[in-house]
Amino acid sequence: MHCAIYKSTKKDFFYLYINKKDDFKDLPESFLVVFGKPQFLMSINLSKRKTLAQADIETVRTSLKKTGFYLQLPPTLDTTLKHITLQNTKL
């Protein structure tokens, strides 16, 4: 399962996963008004991955199959702080 990933030009740390590069037909019309013009980042093969950096891979796969897209929102402050704390304990 391949997908294309885009970042928002209006919202920091908002990422859009879609099934096919530049195919935005499954998105609600109002979505792009809020998200802005999608800026292409990369294509990945989800079949060859076990994890993703900031999203649950099974949730992404399921959403892509059901709706044709997945929106990755910014991590919560709590998640970010845990990541920073874990990084500092490894030093």
C-alpha atoms as a PDB file:
ATOM      1  CA  MET A   1       0.000   0.000   0.000  1.00  0.00           C
ATOM      2  CA  HIS A   2       1.617   3.224  -1.208  1.00  0.00           C
ATOM      3  CA  CYS A   3       0.675   6.692  -0.061  1.00  0.00           C
ATOM      4  CA  ALA A   4       1.769  10.282  -0.563  1.00  0.00           C
ATOM      5  CA  ILE A   5       2.430  12.624   2.348  1.00  0.00           C
ATOM      6  CA  TYR A   6       1.913  16.387   2.295  1.00  0.00           C
ATOM      7  CA  LYS A   7       2.432  19.109   4.867  1.00  0.00           C
ATOM      8  CA  SER A   8       0.085  22.006   5.457  1.00  0.00           C
ATOM      9  CA  THR A   9       1.055  25.495   4.369  1.00  0.00           C
ATOM     10  CA  LYS A  10      -1.324  27.005   6.934  1.00  0.00           C
ATOM     11  CA  LYS A  11      -1.025  24.777  10.014  1.00  0.00           C
ATOM     12  CA  ASP A  12       2.265  23.774  11.614  1.00  0.00           C
ATOM     13  CA  PHE A  13       2.796  20.036  12.088  1.00  0.00           C
ATOM     14  CA  PHE A  14      -0.330  19.049  10.127  1.00  0.00           C
ATOM     15  CA  TYR A  15       0.392  16.246   7.642  1.00  0.00           C
ATOM     16  CA  LEU A  16      -1.937  14.707   5.087  1.00  0.00           C
ATOM     17  CA  TYR A  17      -1.620  11.126   3.857  1.00  0.00           C
ATOM     18  CA  ILE A  18      -3.476  10.209   0.654  1.00  0.00           C
ATOM     19  CA  ASN A  19      -3.583   7.076  -1.485  1.00  0.00           C
ATOM     20  CA  LYS A  20      -2.246   8.611  -4.682  1.00  0.00           C
ATOM     21  CA  LYS A  21       0.021  11.602  -5.263  1.00  0.00           C
ATOM     22  CA  ASP A  22      -1.899  14.787  -6.136  1.00  0.00           C
ATOM     23  CA  ASP A  23      -5.290  13.012  -5.962  1.00  0.00           C
ATOM     24  CA  PHE A  24      -7.331  15.117  -3.548  1.00  0.00           C
ATOM     25  CA  LYS A  25     -10.788  13.982  -4.711  1.00  0.00           C
ATOM     26  CA  ASP A  26     -11.596  12.185  -1.438  1.00  0.00           C
ATOM     27  CA  LEU A  27     -11.065  15.299   0.692  1.00  0.00           C
ATOM     28  CA  PRO A  28     -14.034  17.396   1.811  1.00  0.00           C
ATOM     29  CA  GLU A  29     -14.109  20.740  -0.044  1.00  0.00           C
ATOM     30  CA  SER A  30     -13.706  22.745   3.143  1.00  0.00           C
ATOM     31  CA  PHE A  31     -10.624  20.759   4.148  1.00  0.00           C
ATOM     32  CA  LEU A  32      -8.184  22.536   1.833  1.00  0.00           C
ATOM     33  CA  VAL A  33      -9.444  25.930   2.980  1.00  0.00           C
ATOM     34  CA  VAL A  34      -8.180  25.134   6.477  1.00  0.00           C
ATOM     35  CA  PHE A  35      -5.187  22.980   5.476  1.00  0.00           C
ATOM     36  CA  GLY A  36      -3.939  25.278   2.723  1.00  0.00           C
ATOM     37  CA  LYS A  37      -2.207  24.207  -0.448  1.00  0.00           C
ATOM     38  CA  PRO A  38      -0.705  20.769   0.271  1.00  0.00           C
ATOM     39  CA  GLN A  39       3.084  20.746  -0.068  1.00  0.00           C
ATOM     40  CA  PHE A  40       4.333  17.335  -1.223  1.00  0.00           C
ATOM     41  CA  LEU A  41       6.932  15.740   1.051  1.00  0.00           C
ATOM     42  CA  MET A  42       7.326  12.102   0.025  1.00  0.00           C
ATOM     43  CA  SER A  43       5.755   8.838  -1.055  1.00  0.00           C
ATOM     44  CA  ILE A  44       6.087   5.770   1.122  1.00  0.00           C
ATOM     45  CA  ASN A  45       5.099   2.124   0.953  1.00  0.00           C
ATOM     46  CA  LEU A  46       3.105   1.362   4.101  1.00  0.00           C
ATOM     47  CA  SER A  47       3.281  -2.371   3.368  1.00  0.00           C
ATOM     48  CA  LYS A  48       7.016  -2.365   3.987  1.00  0.00           C
ATOM     49  CA  ARG A  49       6.853  -0.442   7.264  1.00  0.00           C
ATOM     50  CA  LYS A  50       6.009  -1.571  10.762  1.00  0.00           C
ATOM     51  CA  THR A  51       5.845   1.898  12.322  1.00  0.00           C
ATOM     52  CA  LEU A  52       5.658   5.597  11.505  1.00  0.00           C
ATOM     53  CA  ALA A  53       7.362   8.401  13.405  1.00  0.00           C
ATOM     54  CA  GLN A  54       4.303  10.237  14.751  1.00  0.00           C
ATOM     55  CA  ALA A  55       1.241   8.211  13.721  1.00  0.00           C
ATOM     56  CA  ASP A  56      -0.066   4.731  14.393  1.00  0.00           C
ATOM     57  CA  ILE A  57       0.490   2.843  11.145  1.00  0.00           C
ATOM     58  CA  GLU A  58      -2.651   0.697  11.498  1.00  0.00           C
ATOM     59  CA  THR A  59      -4.779   3.801  12.019  1.00  0.00           C
ATOM     60  CA  VAL A  60      -3.253   5.367   8.901  1.00  0.00           C
ATOM     61  CA  ARG A  61      -3.852   2.225   6.807  1.00  0.00           C
ATOM     62  CA  THR A  62      -7.448   1.893   8.005  1.00  0.00           C
ATOM     63  CA  SER A  63      -8.224   5.554   7.357  1.00  0.00           C
ATOM     64  CA  LEU A  64      -6.713   5.422   3.871  1.00  0.00           C
ATOM     65  CA  LYS A  65      -8.839   2.370   3.031  1.00  0.00           C
ATOM     66  CA  LYS A  66     -12.074   3.822   4.477  1.00  0.00           C
ATOM     67  CA  THR A  67     -11.879   7.518   3.583  1.00  0.00           C
ATOM     68  CA  GLY A  68      -8.956   7.842   1.175  1.00  0.00           C
ATOM     69  CA  PHE A  69      -6.985  10.116   3.488  1.00  0.00           C
ATOM     70  CA  TYR A  70      -5.495  10.461   6.964  1.00  0.00           C
ATOM     71  CA  LEU A  71      -4.749  13.725   8.761  1.00  0.00           C
ATOM     72  CA  GLN A  72      -1.845  13.659  11.206  1.00  0.00           C
ATOM     73  CA  LEU A  73      -2.274  16.373  13.810  1.00  0.00           C
ATOM     74  CA  PRO A  74       0.515  17.913  15.871  1.00  0.00           C
ATOM     75  CA  PRO A  75       1.597  15.951  18.922  1.00  0.00           C
ATOM     76  CA  THR A  76       0.137  17.130  22.191  1.00  0.00           C
ATOM     77  CA  LEU A  77       2.348  19.054  24.554  1.00  0.00           C
ATOM     78  CA  ASP A  78       2.349  16.072  26.903  1.00  0.00           C
ATOM     79  CA  THR A  79       3.636  13.753  24.145  1.00  0.00           C
ATOM     80  CA  THR A  80       6.282  16.268  23.133  1.00  0.00           C
ATOM     81  CA  LEU A  81       7.474  16.666  26.713  1.00  0.00           C
ATOM     82  CA  LYS A  82       7.701  12.887  27.164  1.00  0.00           C
ATOM     83  CA  HIS A  83       9.804  12.642  24.001  1.00  0.00           C
ATOM     84  CA  ILE A  84      12.136  15.385  25.219  1.00  0.00           C
ATOM     85  CA  THR A  85      12.417  13.753  28.645  1.00  0.00           C
ATOM     86  CA  LEU A  86      13.251  10.382  27.081  1.00  0.00           C
ATOM     87  CA  GLN A  87      15.876  12.042  24.869  1.00  0.00           C
ATOM     88  CA  ASN A  88      17.516  13.691  27.889  1.00  0.00           C
ATOM     89  CA  THR A  89      17.650  10.459  29.905  1.00  0.00           C
ATOM     90  CA  LYS A  90      19.630   8.802  27.111  1.00  0.00           C
ATOM     91  CA  LEU A  91      22.385  11.447  27.257  1.00  0.00           C
END
